[in-house]
Protein backbone atom coordinates (compact mmCIF):
# COMPACT_ATOMS: atom_id res chain seq x y z
CA MET A 1 -1.09 51.22 32.76
CA SER A 2 -2.63 51.32 29.35
CA GLY A 3 -2.11 49.49 26.10
CA SER A 4 -3.46 49.69 22.58
CA ASP A 5 -2.99 47.91 19.29
CA SER A 6 -2.17 51.21 17.61
CA LYS A 7 0.67 51.81 20.06
CA ASN A 8 2.00 48.32 19.46
CA SER A 9 2.14 48.82 15.71
CA ILE A 10 4.41 51.88 15.76
CA ASP A 11 7.99 51.50 14.53
CA ARG A 12 10.41 52.17 17.41
CA THR A 13 13.84 51.25 18.67
CA ASN A 14 14.52 53.00 21.94
CA SER A 15 17.50 50.82 22.87
CA PRO A 16 20.94 51.82 21.56
CA ASN A 17 21.84 48.13 21.40
CA SER A 18 19.06 47.11 19.02
CA PRO A 19 20.24 45.52 15.74
CA TYR A 20 17.06 46.72 14.05
CA GLY A 21 16.64 49.97 12.19
CA SER A 22 12.96 49.81 13.06
CA VAL A 23 10.80 47.41 15.01
CA GLN A 24 7.51 46.63 13.32
CA THR A 25 5.22 44.63 15.56
CA ASP A 26 2.22 42.64 14.40
CA GLY A 27 -0.06 44.85 16.51
CA ASN A 28 -1.08 42.07 18.90
CA SER A 29 -0.72 41.98 22.65
CA ARG A 30 1.01 38.76 23.61
CA ALA A 31 1.80 36.63 26.63
CA VAL A 32 4.89 34.42 26.59
CA SER A 33 6.39 31.82 28.92
CA VAL A 34 10.09 31.29 29.39
CA CYS A 35 10.25 27.60 30.19
CA MET A 36 12.38 24.46 30.04
CA LEU A 37 12.14 21.19 31.93
CA LYS A 38 15.72 21.51 33.08
CA GLY A 39 17.31 23.70 35.73
CA GLY A 40 20.40 25.83 35.31
CA VAL A 41 19.59 27.18 31.85
CA GLY A 42 19.08 30.82 32.88
CA LYS A 43 15.30 31.03 32.58
CA SER A 44 14.93 33.79 35.16
CA THR A 45 17.70 35.89 33.62
CA ILE A 46 16.05 35.68 30.22
CA ALA A 47 12.58 36.40 31.62
CA VAL A 48 13.73 39.50 33.54
CA ASN A 49 15.76 40.93 30.68
CA LEU A 50 13.12 40.12 28.08
CA ALA A 51 10.57 42.03 30.14
CA ARG A 52 13.02 44.92 30.54
CA GLN A 53 13.81 45.17 26.84
CA LEU A 54 10.11 45.09 25.93
CA ALA A 55 9.57 47.91 28.41
CA ALA A 56 12.47 49.81 26.83
CA GLN A 57 10.45 49.77 23.61
CA ASP A 58 7.75 51.79 25.40
CA HIS A 59 5.44 48.86 26.06
CA ASP A 60 3.47 48.20 29.23
CA VAL A 61 4.87 44.91 30.52
CA LEU A 62 4.09 42.54 33.40
CA LEU A 63 6.52 39.87 34.57
CA ILE A 64 4.89 36.95 36.41
CA ASP A 65 7.27 34.88 38.54
CA LEU A 66 5.58 31.48 38.74
CA ASP A 67 8.70 29.65 39.93
CA PRO A 68 8.56 28.73 43.65
CA ASN A 69 12.33 29.36 43.82
CA GLY A 70 11.65 33.04 43.18
CA HIS A 71 14.90 33.78 41.37
CA ALA A 72 13.36 36.49 39.20
CA SER A 73 11.62 38.13 42.17
CA VAL A 74 14.68 38.10 44.42
CA GLY A 75 16.85 39.19 41.49
CA LEU A 76 14.75 42.35 41.24
CA GLY A 77 14.84 43.08 44.98
CA PHE A 78 11.45 41.67 45.95
CA ASP A 79 12.76 39.58 48.83
CA ASP A 80 10.14 40.92 51.27
CA GLN A 81 7.27 40.09 48.95
CA TYR A 82 8.72 36.62 48.34
CA HIS A 83 8.83 35.86 52.07
CA ASN A 84 5.45 37.48 52.79
CA THR A 85 2.79 34.84 52.25
CA GLU A 86 -0.18 36.92 53.43
CA GLU A 87 -1.10 38.17 49.95
CA THR A 88 -0.04 36.11 46.94
CA ILE A 89 -1.30 34.83 43.62
CA GLY A 90 -3.15 32.17 45.62
CA ASP A 91 -5.57 34.88 46.76
CA VAL A 92 -6.24 35.66 43.11
CA PHE A 93 -6.70 32.00 42.20
CA PHE A 94 -8.94 30.98 45.09
CA ASP A 95 -10.36 34.08 46.81
CA ASP A 96 -11.34 36.31 43.88
CA ALA A 97 -8.73 38.94 44.74
CA ASP A 98 -8.02 41.48 42.02
CA PRO A 99 -4.77 40.44 40.27
CA THR A 100 -3.47 44.00 40.47
CA SER A 101 -3.47 43.70 44.27
CA VAL A 102 -0.37 41.47 44.06
CA VAL A 103 1.37 43.43 41.28
CA TYR A 104 4.27 45.79 42.06
CA ASP A 105 6.25 48.43 40.17
CA THR A 106 9.85 47.30 39.71
CA SER A 107 11.19 50.85 39.09
CA TYR A 108 12.56 49.53 35.77
CA GLU A 109 9.59 50.46 33.58
CA PHE A 110 7.77 47.15 34.02
CA ASP A 111 5.66 45.54 36.75
CA ILE A 112 6.04 42.22 38.53
CA LEU A 113 3.71 39.71 40.09
CA PRO A 114 6.30 38.12 42.39
CA SER A 115 6.72 34.55 43.52
CA SER A 116 6.23 33.61 47.16
CA GLU A 117 7.48 31.00 49.59
CA ASP A 118 4.08 29.32 49.67
CA LEU A 119 3.76 28.95 45.90
CA GLU A 120 4.24 25.18 46.19
CA GLN A 121 1.33 25.12 48.65
CA VAL A 122 -0.71 27.14 46.18
CA GLU A 123 0.07 24.51 43.59
CA ARG A 124 -1.12 21.73 45.87
CA GLU A 125 -4.42 23.56 46.33
CA ILE A 126 -5.14 23.68 42.62
CA VAL A 127 -8.08 21.32 42.27
CA VAL A 128 -7.34 18.08 40.49
CA GLY A 129 -10.33 17.37 38.32
CA ASP A 130 -10.60 17.75 34.61
CA VAL A 131 -7.08 17.44 33.17
CA PHE A 132 -7.41 20.77 31.39
CA GLN A 133 -9.39 23.19 33.57
CA PRO A 134 -7.04 23.26 36.61
CA SER A 135 -4.42 24.51 34.19
CA ALA A 136 -6.55 27.49 33.16
CA LEU A 137 -6.43 29.43 36.47
CA LEU A 138 -3.62 31.80 35.46
CA LYS A 139 -5.25 32.48 32.11
CA ARG A 140 -8.71 33.09 33.56
CA GLU A 141 -7.76 35.04 36.69
CA VAL A 142 -4.68 37.01 35.61
CA VAL A 143 -3.72 36.98 31.94
CA ASP A 144 -7.14 37.41 30.30
CA PRO A 145 -8.16 40.31 32.62
CA LEU A 146 -4.86 42.18 32.18
CA LEU A 147 -3.50 41.44 28.69
CA GLY A 148 -4.41 44.00 26.06
CA GLY A 149 -6.12 46.49 28.34
CA THR A 150 -3.55 46.97 31.10
CA TYR A 151 -0.44 45.36 29.60
CA ASP A 152 0.83 44.99 26.06
CA TYR A 153 2.99 42.01 26.97
CA ILE A 154 3.08 39.52 29.82
CA VAL A 155 6.21 37.43 30.43
CA THR A 156 6.04 34.39 32.72
CA ASP A 157 9.01 32.70 34.38
CA SER A 158 8.04 29.04 34.80
CA PRO A 159 9.31 26.25 37.09
CA ALA A 160 11.98 23.92 35.72
CA TYR A 161 9.83 20.84 36.35
CA ARG A 162 6.48 19.56 35.12
CA SER A 163 3.79 20.84 37.47
CA ARG A 164 0.36 22.40 37.56
CA LEU A 165 2.06 25.79 37.75
CA THR A 166 4.03 25.07 34.59
CA ASP A 167 0.88 23.88 32.82
CA ASN A 168 -0.88 27.06 33.93
CA ALA A 169 1.90 29.17 32.45
CA LEU A 170 1.73 27.39 29.10
CA VAL A 171 -2.06 27.46 28.87
CA ALA A 172 -2.15 31.16 29.80
CA THR A 173 0.45 32.25 27.28
CA ALA A 174 0.56 29.67 24.45
CA ASN A 175 3.81 31.34 23.28
CA LEU A 176 7.09 29.88 24.45
CA VAL A 177 10.72 30.97 24.66
CA LEU A 178 12.89 27.93 25.39
CA PRO A 179 16.41 28.52 26.79
CA LEU A 180 19.13 25.89 26.39
CA ALA A 181 22.56 25.85 28.02
CA PRO A 182 25.54 23.85 26.69
CA GLY A 183 25.97 20.38 28.14
CA ASN A 184 25.17 16.74 27.56
CA GLU A 185 21.56 17.18 28.69
CA ALA A 186 20.75 20.26 26.58
CA MET A 187 18.82 18.55 23.80
CA ALA A 188 17.36 16.00 26.21
CA GLY A 189 15.81 18.86 28.18
CA LEU A 190 14.32 20.24 24.99
CA GLU A 191 12.95 16.84 24.03
CA ARG A 192 11.41 16.39 27.50
CA THR A 193 9.77 19.80 27.29
CA ILE A 194 8.27 19.03 23.88
CA GLU A 195 7.17 15.51 24.83
CA ARG A 196 5.83 16.15 28.34
CA GLN A 197 4.54 19.70 28.12
CA ILE A 198 4.04 21.01 24.62
CA SER A 199 2.68 17.93 22.82
CA PRO A 200 -0.06 17.14 25.39
CA LEU A 201 -1.26 20.75 25.36
CA ARG A 202 -1.35 20.81 21.56
CA GLN A 203 -4.17 18.27 21.74
CA HIS A 204 -6.31 21.04 23.25
CA MET A 205 -4.87 24.32 21.95
CA ASP A 206 -2.32 26.00 19.73
CA VAL A 207 1.09 26.32 21.38
CA ASP A 208 3.76 28.26 19.50
CA VAL A 209 7.49 28.04 20.17
CA LEU A 210 8.63 31.57 19.33
CA SER A 211 12.33 31.00 19.90
CA LEU A 212 14.99 28.54 21.04
CA VAL A 213 17.68 30.47 22.90
CA PRO A 214 21.22 29.11 23.35
CA ASN A 215 22.25 30.70 26.66
CA MET A 216 25.29 30.86 28.95
CA LEU A 217 27.80 30.14 26.17
CA SER A 218 31.48 30.82 26.79
CA GLY A 219 33.54 28.44 24.64
CA ARG A 220 34.99 28.66 21.15
CA ILE A 221 32.92 27.29 18.31
CA ASP A 222 35.78 26.56 15.91
CA GLN A 223 36.50 23.49 18.03
CA GLN A 224 34.32 20.64 19.23
CA THR A 225 33.23 22.31 22.43
CA GLN A 226 29.85 21.81 24.10
CA ASP A 227 28.92 25.27 22.83
CA ARG A 228 29.54 24.18 19.27
CA GLN A 229 27.71 20.90 19.70
CA LEU A 230 24.60 22.71 20.91
CA LEU A 231 24.71 25.29 18.11
CA GLU A 232 25.34 22.66 15.44
CA ARG A 233 22.42 20.53 16.56
CA LEU A 234 20.02 23.47 16.68
CA ASN A 235 21.12 25.00 13.39
CA SER A 236 21.11 21.72 11.50
CA HIS A 237 17.66 20.56 12.66
CA ASP A 238 15.17 21.08 9.85
CA ASN A 239 12.23 21.69 12.18
CA LEU A 240 14.04 24.11 14.47
CA GLN A 241 15.89 26.53 12.19
CA ASP A 242 13.01 29.00 11.93
CA ARG A 243 13.05 29.30 15.74
CA ILE A 244 16.76 30.16 16.07
CA PRO A 245 17.39 33.89 16.66
CA ASN A 246 19.81 35.71 14.38
CA PHE A 247 22.27 36.02 17.26
CA ALA A 248 22.55 32.21 17.39
CA ARG A 249 22.26 31.39 13.68
CA ILE A 250 25.28 29.77 12.00
CA THR A 251 24.99 28.63 8.38
CA ASP A 252 28.63 28.34 7.25
CA TRP A 253 30.60 26.09 9.59
CA GLU A 254 33.38 25.70 7.00
CA ALA A 255 34.08 29.44 7.21
CA VAL A 256 34.09 29.20 11.01
CA ASP A 257 36.58 26.32 10.93
CA ALA A 258 38.79 28.13 8.43
CA GLY A 259 38.90 31.23 10.61
CA ASP A 260 37.12 33.37 8.02
CA LEU A 261 34.19 33.85 10.41
CA LYS A 262 34.72 34.43 14.10
CA PRO A 263 31.24 34.85 15.56
CA SER A 264 30.27 34.69 19.22
CA PRO A 265 26.75 33.28 18.86
CA GLY A 266 24.19 32.77 21.57
CA ILE A 267 23.83 34.71 24.80
CA ARG A 268 27.36 34.72 26.17
CA ASP A 269 28.35 34.23 29.78
CA ARG A 270 29.24 37.75 30.92
CA THR A 271 30.26 38.96 34.37
CA SER A 272 27.86 41.88 33.99
CA ILE A 273 24.90 39.50 33.81
CA THR A 274 25.89 37.84 37.09
CA LYS A 275 26.65 41.15 38.78
CA ALA A 276 23.35 42.65 37.63
CA TYR A 277 21.52 39.92 39.55
CA GLY A 278 23.61 40.66 42.63
CA GLU A 279 22.75 44.34 42.35
CA ARG A 280 19.04 43.47 41.94
CA LYS A 281 18.84 45.09 38.50
CA PRO A 282 18.11 44.11 34.92
CA LEU A 283 21.19 44.10 32.70
CA LEU A 284 20.16 47.28 30.85
CA ASP A 285 20.12 49.24 34.09
CA TYR A 286 23.33 47.74 35.49
CA ASP A 287 25.50 47.84 32.36
CA PRO A 288 23.86 49.60 29.40
CA ASP A 289 27.00 49.01 27.32
CA CYS A 290 27.02 45.22 27.69
CA ASP A 291 27.29 43.57 24.27
CA GLN A 292 24.71 40.93 25.20
CA LEU A 293 21.87 43.44 25.37
CA GLN A 294 21.51 43.12 21.61
CA CYS A 295 20.49 39.48 22.17
CA PHE A 296 17.75 40.46 24.61
CA ASP A 297 16.68 43.20 22.20
CA GLU A 298 16.18 40.60 19.48
CA LEU A 299 14.20 38.38 21.86
CA ALA A 300 11.95 41.36 22.57
CA HIS A 301 11.51 41.90 18.84
CA ILE A 302 10.63 38.21 18.37
CA VAL A 303 7.90 38.56 21.00
CA GLU A 304 6.66 41.77 19.34
CA ALA A 305 6.61 40.21 15.87
CA GLY A 306 5.38 36.79 17.00
CA GLU A 307 8.23 35.08 15.17
CA VAL A 308 11.93 35.20 14.37
CA VAL A 309 12.55 37.85 11.71
CA ARG A 310 15.70 37.21 9.69
CA HIS A 311 18.12 40.06 9.11
CA VAL A 312 18.43 40.97 5.44
């Protein structure tokens, strides 16, 4: 693998689903965590497909599965590595193993550092001392050695609960993509993540929320469905609007209610997304014609640019 700032700054759109005529990056390698202190929001799906779409833009990409459940790893066919606890990220953390020794080629143009069954044990072995340093293992042992030289982008799938692993992911990346699924607890999960994870870390370092991603939507938004409630709350919040991707941005609810606009915002619940997991493939490789790939393309562009870029 090789990466360079000059390569990152080239205009390119290799995906036929991209809404962009050109993709201008800011020239910086970047690590990002997909995280939310709530299960069932589709973190692993977003992490896998974000990594895939970045790779489709000719970037060198590493996906780190830091979730002990291993959904991203199993969803890419790394069942054997997940169940094999002889060589894991714990060896990198505690035994000075080279991080590339636990990295594998996915056959989908990006690499993976898979989860393992003993990841919870690895977490228990992280020394409890200074409140900050135990959270710097992933950054020191994996991300700093690999980001920029070996990989242009590193995407981390984080646990859905507050833990030392989650803290390690945030400290190592400092850039966050936060998925939300419709439901009564959607905003509460976001508030917990900000209060319990992001705010404490901001006392020590800069943490940037790149994007809030409404995910797994299926209902109409011209009625008071849970989908609409989530989209309304996100799009009406003064401090959040700059973090809403174009594919989830609604500014004229009157036109929606009148039937003049009939958008399908957010990442929609599609059978292809579920089937892709069952086939152990990213969505692009299972169904390259799926309409939701344009959402993952925009997420990739957000990571490249370091911010949401509004369509003109």
